[in-house]
Amino acid sequence: MKTIIEPFRIKVTETFKPIERAQRISALQTAHYNVFLLKGEDCCIDLLTDSGTGAMSTEQWAAMMLGDESYAGGKSWYKFEAVVREITGFRHIFPTHQGRAAEGILCMTRLKAGDTVPNNSHFDTTRANIEFIGAKAINLPCAEAMDPVFDAPFKGDMSLERLTQFIECSDVDKIPFCIITVTNNAGGGQPVSMANIRAVKAILDKYGIPLVLDACRFAENAYFIRERESGYKNHTLLEIAQEMFSYADAATMSCKKDGLANIGGFLACNDDGWAEDFRNALILREGFPTYGGLAGRDLEAIAVGLREALDYEYQAYRHATVVYLGDRLIARGIPIVRPVGGHAVFIDANAFLPHIPASEYPGIGLINSLYVAGGVRAVELGSVMFAHRDEAGNEVPAPLELVRLAFPRRVYTQSHFDYLIEVVEESWSQRESLRGYRITYQPKLLRHFSCHFTPIDR
């Protein structure tokens, strides 16, 4: 059959009651025009993130009942460890309460002020953890990643030329590690090819620089490799994932994505010295190394979810839902990043709202319009999230102004997507009347989570 159906049946539902347009306008004003500050119950379709927002399977819920809550050495820990080791092959595995905790431990133990960390594209918490130490996060995406409409199979790749130039122009001793993020979330959810991972590792080995995999969407990346890269069509997603991890010296993971769980993560490595540092920091920040900030029931759910994420039929269905939305937006002339990514559709806010300059945050104008139009909550991946300051203190806009519609796993059905299309169409039809915003309050780090906006009157 040509129709790809959900490889599951729905057993439990959650009721929500959409609020009226006037209530949405009032709620947005109360939230200072920052959708992060809205109440979840006031959002009809919540696409703010795919992190921890998915629906767990019956197998995961059943596994939670087996949770061993022993402080040290519980049975649930050994199940978790066995699954992570099977997938990644790493010798040392440390559970954390979520991915940013793993990033924090990596940065606090391996970085110092003045260091630099190259990446295909750092996401928000990764960059913040690096900068909090006083180090610098460097993005080295491939050239294709900067063109939203250019259709290429692996736009998440790191630029090998730029990586080589960066290393040769730097003090290698101040590059403690390099990161590859799979998939490349900041660049439109685009996958990274196995050839690119392999080539990056070869370059780093010449200079003795370790490679760290930011692996929160490793299973989706494995699916893309199987579908798009020569030589992998007959491989299982597990086999592809194992090869991906084999090129890495360490990995951070948010299990709230491809662990199909509502909480959790891990940090893993092969080096005994790194592991000792990680262990000590983990005990200080997260908890004993066999629970790491998680309950035994969470470890059980993740152990099941990691395997479920590597099921080919599940990944094929998930990608089909993203393609479904992307194709219909393209057919209506709505500008999106092409090809669609693995976990989201990314709207090009610059092309959607060309009359709003980056300094007035077109992405905020669009996501607020989507919320008012239909109660849809999305997220800006543009100059609010990714701008930086130059040496004079001036704000430098992000290279792309994107709005991400991130799909929680196994949550929404086709009718929700059809409704979403109508909401985006309404904002598209009113695009010339949409306004930009200015920031009236912002914290020093990760400002997008809590800053305040006000609309700009023209």
Protein backbone atom coordinates (compact mmCIF):
# COMPACT_ATOMS: atom_id res chain seq x y z
CA MET A 1 0.00 0.00 0.00
CA LYS A 2 1.13 3.58 -0.68
CA THR A 3 -0.40 5.02 2.49
CA ILE A 4 1.96 4.99 5.46
CA ILE A 5 -0.08 4.47 8.62
CA GLU A 6 0.82 4.98 12.25
CA PRO A 7 2.48 1.77 13.51
CA PHE A 8 0.48 1.95 16.74
CA ARG A 9 -3.06 2.18 18.10
CA ILE A 10 -4.16 4.88 20.55
CA LYS A 11 -5.15 3.49 23.95
CA VAL A 12 -5.28 6.62 26.13
CA THR A 13 -6.30 10.16 25.14
CA GLU A 14 -5.91 13.57 26.74
CA THR A 15 -8.73 16.08 26.42
CA PHE A 16 -7.97 19.71 25.69
CA LYS A 17 -10.31 22.65 25.19
CA PRO A 18 -9.20 25.31 22.70
CA ILE A 19 -9.62 28.83 23.99
CA GLU A 20 -11.19 31.60 21.91
CA ARG A 21 -9.18 34.10 19.88
CA ALA A 22 -9.80 36.96 22.32
CA GLN A 23 -8.52 34.77 25.15
CA ARG A 24 -5.43 33.89 23.12
CA ILE A 25 -4.67 37.56 22.52
CA SER A 26 -5.03 38.25 26.24
CA ALA A 27 -2.89 35.24 27.17
CA LEU A 28 -0.13 36.35 24.80
CA GLN A 29 -0.13 39.85 26.27
CA THR A 30 0.06 38.43 29.79
CA ALA A 31 3.02 36.28 28.66
CA HIS A 32 4.83 39.42 27.42
CA TYR A 33 4.51 38.09 23.85
CA ASN A 34 6.86 35.21 24.65
CA VAL A 35 5.17 31.85 23.96
CA PHE A 36 7.51 30.14 26.43
CA LEU A 37 5.62 32.00 29.16
CA LEU A 38 2.16 30.79 28.05
CA LYS A 39 0.28 28.17 30.04
CA GLY A 40 0.39 24.81 28.30
CA GLU A 41 -3.37 24.44 28.70
CA ASP A 42 -3.84 27.56 26.59
CA CYS A 43 -2.13 25.97 23.59
CA CYS A 44 -4.30 23.97 21.19
CA ILE A 45 -1.44 22.30 19.28
CA ASP A 46 1.86 22.58 21.12
CA LEU A 47 4.84 22.38 18.78
CA LEU A 48 7.21 24.35 21.00
CA THR A 49 9.52 21.33 21.25
CA ASP A 50 9.75 17.60 20.67
CA SER A 51 11.79 17.24 23.86
CA GLY A 52 10.02 15.17 26.49
CA THR A 53 6.60 15.87 25.00
CA GLY A 54 5.95 12.51 23.31
CA ALA A 55 3.58 9.70 24.18
CA MET A 56 5.09 6.56 25.69
CA SER A 57 4.19 3.07 24.55
CA THR A 58 2.40 0.38 26.54
CA GLU A 59 5.76 -1.40 26.80
CA GLN A 60 7.32 1.69 28.36
CA TRP A 61 4.49 2.15 30.83
CA ALA A 62 4.67 -1.52 31.76
CA ALA A 63 8.44 -1.27 32.22
CA MET A 64 7.99 1.65 34.62
CA MET A 65 6.17 -0.66 37.02
CA LEU A 66 9.39 -2.67 37.27
CA GLY A 67 11.44 0.35 38.36
CA ASP A 68 13.98 -0.51 41.03
CA GLU A 69 14.43 2.58 43.19
CA SER A 70 17.55 1.36 44.98
CA TYR A 71 19.92 4.26 45.59
CA ALA A 72 22.89 2.31 44.24
CA GLY A 73 23.10 -0.56 41.78
CA GLY A 74 19.40 -1.01 41.08
CA LYS A 75 18.24 -3.52 38.47
CA SER A 76 16.83 -0.72 36.34
CA TRP A 77 20.28 0.82 36.03
CA TYR A 78 21.76 -2.38 34.62
CA LYS A 79 18.99 -2.63 32.03
CA PHE A 80 19.59 0.97 31.00
CA GLU A 81 23.36 0.50 30.86
CA ALA A 82 23.06 -2.65 28.73
CA VAL A 83 20.86 -0.96 26.12
CA VAL A 84 23.00 2.18 25.89
CA ARG A 85 26.17 0.08 25.59
CA GLU A 86 24.61 -2.10 22.89
CA ILE A 87 23.75 0.99 20.83
CA THR A 88 26.80 3.16 21.48
CA GLY A 89 29.58 0.71 22.36
CA PHE A 90 30.95 3.10 25.01
CA ARG A 91 32.74 1.68 28.04
CA HIS A 92 31.62 4.33 30.54
CA ILE A 93 27.96 5.37 30.75
CA PHE A 94 26.48 7.97 33.11
CA PRO A 95 22.74 8.70 33.35
CA THR A 96 21.65 12.32 33.75
CA HIS A 97 18.28 13.93 34.30
CA GLN A 98 18.35 15.39 30.77
CA GLY A 99 20.70 16.27 27.93
CA ARG A 100 21.76 19.71 29.11
CA ALA A 101 22.98 18.16 32.36
CA ALA A 102 25.24 15.88 30.31
CA GLU A 103 26.44 18.92 28.36
CA GLY A 104 27.08 20.78 31.60
CA ILE A 105 29.20 18.00 33.06
CA LEU A 106 31.15 17.65 29.80
CA CYS A 107 31.87 21.39 29.73
CA MET A 108 32.69 21.84 33.42
CA THR A 109 35.20 18.97 33.36
CA ARG A 110 36.82 19.41 29.93
CA LEU A 111 36.73 23.15 29.20
CA LYS A 112 38.35 26.27 30.57
CA ALA A 113 38.07 29.94 29.71
CA GLY A 114 39.60 30.72 26.32
CA ASP A 115 38.94 27.29 24.80
CA THR A 116 37.01 26.87 21.55
CA VAL A 117 34.61 24.13 20.53
CA PRO A 118 33.73 23.62 16.83
CA ASN A 119 30.41 22.04 15.86
CA ASN A 120 28.33 21.69 12.72
CA SER A 121 25.86 23.93 14.62
CA HIS A 122 25.59 24.36 18.38
CA PHE A 123 22.07 24.33 19.74
CA ASP A 124 21.03 26.70 22.51
CA THR A 125 21.91 24.82 25.71
CA THR A 126 25.11 23.43 24.21
CA ARG A 127 26.33 26.89 23.36
CA ALA A 128 25.21 28.27 26.73
CA ASN A 129 27.09 25.58 28.67
CA ILE A 130 30.24 26.33 26.67
CA GLU A 131 29.96 30.09 27.06
CA PHE A 132 29.18 29.81 30.78
CA ILE A 133 32.69 28.39 31.24
CA GLY A 134 34.16 31.28 29.26
CA ALA A 135 34.89 29.21 26.16
CA LYS A 136 33.68 29.97 22.65
CA ALA A 137 31.26 27.93 20.53
CA ILE A 138 32.12 27.88 16.81
CA ASN A 139 29.62 26.85 14.12
CA LEU A 140 31.07 25.27 10.97
CA PRO A 141 28.07 24.10 8.91
CA CYS A 142 28.41 23.10 5.29
CA ALA A 143 27.62 25.78 2.69
CA GLU A 144 24.35 24.11 1.68
CA ALA A 145 22.97 24.59 5.20
CA MET A 146 22.82 28.36 4.70
CA ASP A 147 20.39 28.14 1.74
CA PRO A 148 16.91 27.25 3.03
CA VAL A 149 15.50 26.37 -0.41
CA PHE A 150 18.46 24.31 -1.65
CA ASP A 151 17.51 20.62 -1.60
CA ALA A 152 20.41 18.39 -0.58
CA PRO A 153 20.31 15.07 1.30
CA PHE A 154 22.75 15.93 4.10
CA LYS A 155 22.60 19.66 4.84
CA GLY A 156 23.54 18.91 8.45
CA ASP A 157 27.12 18.05 7.49
CA MET A 158 30.06 19.93 8.96
CA SER A 159 32.25 21.80 6.48
CA LEU A 160 35.47 19.81 6.25
CA GLU A 161 37.30 22.74 4.67
CA ARG A 162 36.23 25.19 7.35
CA LEU A 163 37.06 22.69 10.11
CA THR A 164 40.58 22.19 8.75
CA GLN A 165 41.12 25.94 8.37
CA PHE A 166 39.81 26.59 11.86
CA ILE A 167 42.13 24.03 13.46
CA GLU A 168 45.18 25.20 11.49
CA CYS A 169 44.54 28.81 12.50
CA SER A 170 44.00 27.96 16.18
CA ASP A 171 45.98 26.78 19.16
CA VAL A 172 45.12 23.06 19.08
CA ASP A 173 45.65 22.82 22.82
CA LYS A 174 42.67 25.15 23.18
CA ILE A 175 40.33 22.84 21.23
CA PRO A 176 39.54 20.20 23.88
CA PHE A 177 36.97 18.48 21.66
CA CYS A 178 34.79 18.90 18.58
CA ILE A 179 31.03 18.20 18.49
CA ILE A 180 28.81 16.88 15.72
CA THR A 181 25.08 17.33 16.37
CA VAL A 182 22.83 14.67 14.81
CA THR A 183 20.50 15.72 13.41
CA ASN A 184 21.51 19.37 13.01
CA ASN A 185 18.63 21.04 14.83
CA ALA A 186 19.78 24.65 14.52
CA GLY A 187 20.14 24.23 10.76
CA GLY A 188 16.64 22.93 10.09
CA GLY A 189 16.71 19.43 11.55
CA GLN A 190 18.99 18.29 8.74
CA PRO A 191 20.84 14.94 8.89
CA VAL A 192 24.59 14.31 8.92
CA SER A 193 26.00 11.69 6.57
CA MET A 194 28.12 8.81 7.76
CA ALA A 195 30.79 9.90 5.27
CA ASN A 196 30.92 13.32 6.92
CA ILE A 197 31.19 11.88 10.44
CA ARG A 198 33.96 9.59 9.25
CA ALA A 199 35.81 12.42 7.50
CA VAL A 200 35.52 14.77 10.49
CA LYS A 201 36.95 12.06 12.72
CA ALA A 202 39.88 11.56 10.34
CA ILE A 203 40.69 15.28 10.42
CA LEU A 204 40.46 15.45 14.20
CA ASP A 205 42.68 12.41 14.63
CA LYS A 206 45.50 14.23 12.81
CA TYR A 207 45.51 16.80 15.58
CA GLY A 208 44.62 14.60 18.52
CA ILE A 209 41.22 16.27 19.05
CA PRO A 210 38.43 14.05 20.45
CA LEU A 211 35.02 13.88 18.76
CA VAL A 212 31.83 14.18 20.81
CA LEU A 213 28.47 13.22 19.33
CA ASP A 214 25.43 15.25 20.39
CA ALA A 215 23.16 12.28 19.84
CA CYS A 216 19.68 13.33 20.97
CA ARG A 217 18.19 12.46 17.54
CA PHE A 218 20.60 9.68 16.60
CA ALA A 219 17.84 7.29 15.49
CA GLU A 220 16.32 9.82 13.10
CA ASN A 221 19.79 10.48 11.70
CA ALA A 222 20.31 6.74 11.25
CA TYR A 223 17.03 6.58 9.32
CA PHE A 224 18.18 9.32 6.93
CA ILE A 225 21.50 7.56 6.37
CA ARG A 226 19.68 4.36 5.49
CA GLU A 227 17.35 6.16 3.09
CA ARG A 228 19.78 8.57 1.45
CA GLU A 229 23.37 7.35 1.71
CA SER A 230 24.81 4.76 -0.61
CA GLY A 231 25.71 1.42 0.97
CA TYR A 232 23.27 1.48 3.90
CA LYS A 233 19.95 0.39 2.39
CA ASN A 234 20.27 -3.15 3.75
CA HIS A 235 21.49 -2.12 7.21
CA THR A 236 19.30 -1.97 10.29
CA LEU A 237 19.02 1.35 12.10
CA LEU A 238 20.80 -0.23 15.05
CA GLU A 239 23.76 -1.19 12.86
CA ILE A 240 23.91 2.32 11.42
CA ALA A 241 23.72 3.88 14.88
CA GLN A 242 26.51 1.62 16.11
CA GLU A 243 28.75 2.75 13.29
CA MET A 244 27.95 6.41 13.97
CA PHE A 245 28.96 6.05 17.62
CA SER A 246 32.08 4.07 16.71
CA TYR A 247 33.68 7.24 15.34
CA ALA A 248 33.04 9.21 18.54
CA ASP A 249 35.16 9.41 21.68
CA ALA A 250 32.20 10.52 23.79
CA ALA A 251 28.53 11.40 23.47
CA THR A 252 25.86 13.47 25.16
CA MET A 253 22.23 12.44 24.83
CA SER A 254 18.83 13.85 25.66
CA CYS A 255 16.60 10.80 26.00
CA LYS A 256 13.64 13.16 25.82
CA LYS A 257 14.02 12.95 22.03
CA ASP A 258 15.06 9.59 20.59
CA GLY A 259 14.79 7.91 23.97
CA LEU A 260 11.02 8.43 23.59
CA ALA A 261 10.84 9.34 27.28
CA ASN A 262 9.56 12.38 29.15
CA ILE A 263 12.81 12.90 31.06
CA GLY A 264 16.39 11.66 31.08
CA GLY A 265 19.70 11.65 29.27
CA PHE A 266 23.22 10.26 29.47
CA LEU A 267 26.88 11.05 29.05
CA ALA A 268 29.20 8.35 27.73
CA CYS A 269 32.87 7.98 26.83
CA ASN A 270 35.73 5.52 26.44
CA ASP A 271 38.56 7.41 28.15
CA ASP A 272 39.16 6.35 31.76
CA GLY A 273 40.37 9.82 32.77
CA TRP A 274 37.34 11.53 31.31
CA ALA A 275 35.13 8.97 33.01
CA GLU A 276 36.65 9.66 36.43
CA ASP A 277 36.01 13.38 36.01
CA PHE A 278 32.47 12.77 34.78
CA ARG A 279 31.73 10.45 37.69
CA ASN A 280 32.87 12.94 40.31
CA ALA A 281 30.93 15.80 38.73
CA LEU A 282 27.87 13.60 38.34
CA ILE A 283 27.83 12.74 42.03
CA LEU A 284 28.12 16.44 42.86
CA ARG A 285 25.46 17.67 40.42
CA GLU A 286 23.08 14.82 39.57
CA GLY A 287 23.30 11.91 41.98
CA PHE A 288 24.92 8.51 42.38
CA PRO A 289 26.30 7.17 39.06
CA THR A 290 23.73 4.37 38.84
CA TYR A 291 20.73 6.72 38.84
CA GLY A 292 22.12 10.14 37.89
CA GLY A 293 19.11 12.27 38.74
CA LEU A 294 16.55 9.76 37.49
CA ALA A 295 14.13 7.41 39.17
CA GLY A 296 14.49 3.71 38.43
CA ARG A 297 11.21 3.82 36.53
CA ASP A 298 12.64 6.49 34.22
CA LEU A 299 15.66 4.29 33.47
CA GLU A 300 13.27 1.47 32.59
CA ALA A 301 11.22 3.65 30.23
CA ILE A 302 14.34 4.92 28.47
CA ALA A 303 15.77 1.42 28.04
CA VAL A 304 12.61 0.42 26.16
CA GLY A 305 12.30 3.73 24.29
CA LEU A 306 15.82 3.68 22.87
CA ARG A 307 15.06 0.38 21.17
CA GLU A 308 11.65 1.54 19.95
CA ALA A 309 13.23 4.63 18.36
CA LEU A 310 15.39 2.33 16.22
CA ASP A 311 12.37 0.54 14.77
CA TYR A 312 12.35 1.23 11.04
CA GLU A 313 8.56 1.29 10.70
CA TYR A 314 8.29 3.89 13.44
CA GLN A 315 10.89 6.13 11.81
CA ALA A 316 9.28 5.77 8.39
CA TYR A 317 5.92 6.83 9.85
CA ARG A 318 7.45 9.77 11.74
CA HIS A 319 9.22 11.07 8.66
CA ALA A 320 6.06 10.66 6.58
CA THR A 321 4.18 12.97 8.96
CA VAL A 322 6.84 15.65 8.58
CA VAL A 323 6.78 15.27 4.79
CA TYR A 324 2.97 15.46 4.80
CA LEU A 325 3.03 18.90 6.38
CA GLY A 326 6.05 20.12 4.43
CA ASP A 327 4.65 19.18 1.03
CA ARG A 328 1.36 20.93 1.71
CA LEU A 329 3.02 24.12 2.88
CA ILE A 330 5.27 24.14 -0.20
CA ALA A 331 2.23 23.63 -2.44
CA ARG A 332 0.74 26.80 -0.94
CA GLY A 333 3.88 28.81 -1.60
CA ILE A 334 4.85 29.01 2.05
CA PRO A 335 8.66 29.16 2.40
CA ILE A 336 10.19 26.34 4.44
CA VAL A 337 13.62 24.79 4.80
CA ARG A 338 14.07 22.05 2.20
CA PRO A 339 14.18 19.14 2.43
CA VAL A 340 12.10 18.74 5.58
CA GLY A 341 14.02 17.56 8.64
CA GLY A 342 13.44 14.57 10.83
CA HIS A 343 11.55 16.06 13.75
CA ALA A 344 10.12 19.35 12.51
CA VAL A 345 9.17 21.63 9.68
CA PHE A 346 11.14 24.89 9.74
CA ILE A 347 9.48 27.96 8.22
CA ASP A 348 11.82 30.57 6.74
CA ALA A 349 10.70 33.66 8.65
CA ASN A 350 12.88 35.97 6.54
CA ALA A 351 11.08 34.89 3.37
CA PHE A 352 7.69 34.77 5.12
CA LEU A 353 8.05 38.32 6.52
CA PRO A 354 10.59 40.13 4.32
CA HIS A 355 9.38 43.53 5.56
CA ILE A 356 10.54 42.77 9.12
CA PRO A 357 14.32 43.16 9.62
CA ALA A 358 16.32 40.75 11.76
CA SER A 359 16.67 43.47 14.41
CA GLU A 360 12.89 43.30 14.89
CA TYR A 361 12.82 39.48 15.13
CA PRO A 362 10.58 38.24 12.31
CA GLY A 363 10.42 34.80 13.89
CA ILE A 364 8.68 36.23 16.94
CA GLY A 365 6.21 38.03 14.71
CA LEU A 366 5.37 34.75 13.00
CA ILE A 367 5.06 32.52 16.07
CA ASN A 368 2.85 35.06 17.81
CA SER A 369 0.67 35.21 14.70
CA LEU A 370 0.34 31.41 14.68
CA TYR A 371 -0.74 31.44 18.29
CA VAL A 372 -3.34 34.15 17.82
CA ALA A 373 -4.64 32.54 14.61
CA GLY A 374 -5.17 29.06 16.01
CA GLY A 375 -3.60 28.46 19.40
CA VAL A 376 -0.53 26.84 17.83
CA ARG A 377 2.67 27.24 19.83
CA ALA A 378 5.92 27.12 17.84
CA VAL A 379 9.44 28.34 18.57
CA GLU A 380 11.80 30.89 17.04
CA LEU A 381 15.24 29.69 15.90
CA GLY A 382 16.63 32.99 14.75
CA SER A 383 18.21 36.10 16.18
CA VAL A 384 16.48 35.87 19.56
CA MET A 385 17.92 32.42 20.15
CA PHE A 386 21.17 32.56 18.16
CA ALA A 387 22.33 36.17 17.80
CA HIS A 388 25.69 37.03 19.34
CA ARG A 389 27.54 40.16 20.37
CA ASP A 390 30.56 41.54 18.52
CA GLU A 391 33.57 42.99 20.31
CA ALA A 392 31.86 46.38 20.49
CA GLY A 393 28.82 44.82 22.14
CA ASN A 394 26.54 45.15 19.13
CA GLU A 395 24.05 42.39 18.41
CA VAL A 396 24.92 40.38 15.30
CA PRO A 397 21.87 38.64 13.77
CA ALA A 398 21.73 34.90 13.29
CA PRO A 399 22.45 33.65 9.75
CA LEU A 400 18.95 32.19 9.47
CA GLU A 401 15.60 33.38 10.83
CA LEU A 402 13.56 30.20 11.29
CA VAL A 403 10.36 29.15 13.03
CA ARG A 404 10.32 25.51 14.08
CA LEU A 405 7.18 23.40 14.20
CA ALA A 406 8.53 20.51 16.29
CA PHE A 407 6.40 17.38 16.41
CA PRO A 408 5.99 15.53 19.71
CA ARG A 409 6.37 11.81 19.06
CA ARG A 410 3.19 9.73 18.71
CA VAL A 411 0.93 12.57 19.87
CA TYR A 412 -0.92 14.25 16.99
CA THR A 413 -2.99 12.74 14.16
CA GLN A 414 -3.59 13.82 10.56
CA SER A 415 -6.54 16.05 11.45
CA HIS A 416 -4.26 18.02 13.77
CA PHE A 417 -1.85 18.54 10.89
CA ASP A 418 -4.66 19.61 8.57
CA TYR A 419 -5.78 22.15 11.16
CA LEU A 420 -2.16 23.32 11.50
CA ILE A 421 -1.98 23.90 7.74
CA GLU A 422 -5.07 26.13 7.95
CA VAL A 423 -3.49 28.12 10.78
CA VAL A 424 -0.24 28.68 8.86
CA GLU A 425 -2.27 29.64 5.78
CA GLU A 426 -4.15 32.27 7.78
CA SER A 427 -0.89 33.85 8.97
CA TRP A 428 0.44 33.67 5.42
CA SER A 429 -2.61 35.53 4.08
CA GLN A 430 -2.09 38.27 6.68
CA ARG A 431 1.70 38.39 6.48
CA GLU A 432 1.97 41.97 5.23
CA SER A 433 0.18 43.23 8.33
CA LEU A 434 2.35 41.36 10.83
CA ARG A 435 4.71 43.42 12.97
CA GLY A 436 8.15 43.03 14.43
CA TYR A 437 9.04 43.10 18.13
CA ARG A 438 11.64 44.59 20.42
CA ILE A 439 12.98 43.08 23.64
CA THR A 440 12.11 44.90 26.86
CA TYR A 441 13.76 42.43 29.27
CA GLN A 442 16.35 39.72 28.81
CA PRO A 443 18.65 37.57 30.99
CA LYS A 444 22.33 37.12 30.17
CA LEU A 445 22.07 33.48 29.05
CA LEU A 446 19.39 31.61 27.09
CA ARG A 447 17.33 34.76 26.81
CA HIS A 448 14.67 33.20 24.57
CA PHE A 449 13.25 31.17 27.45
CA SER A 450 12.23 34.14 29.57
CA CYS A 451 12.72 37.47 27.79
CA HIS A 452 9.87 39.93 27.30
CA PHE A 453 8.77 41.49 24.02
CA THR A 454 6.57 44.34 22.93
CA PRO A 455 5.23 44.83 19.39
CA ILE A 456 6.65 47.63 17.27
CA ASP A 457 4.06 50.10 15.97
CA ARG A 458 4.68 51.41 12.49
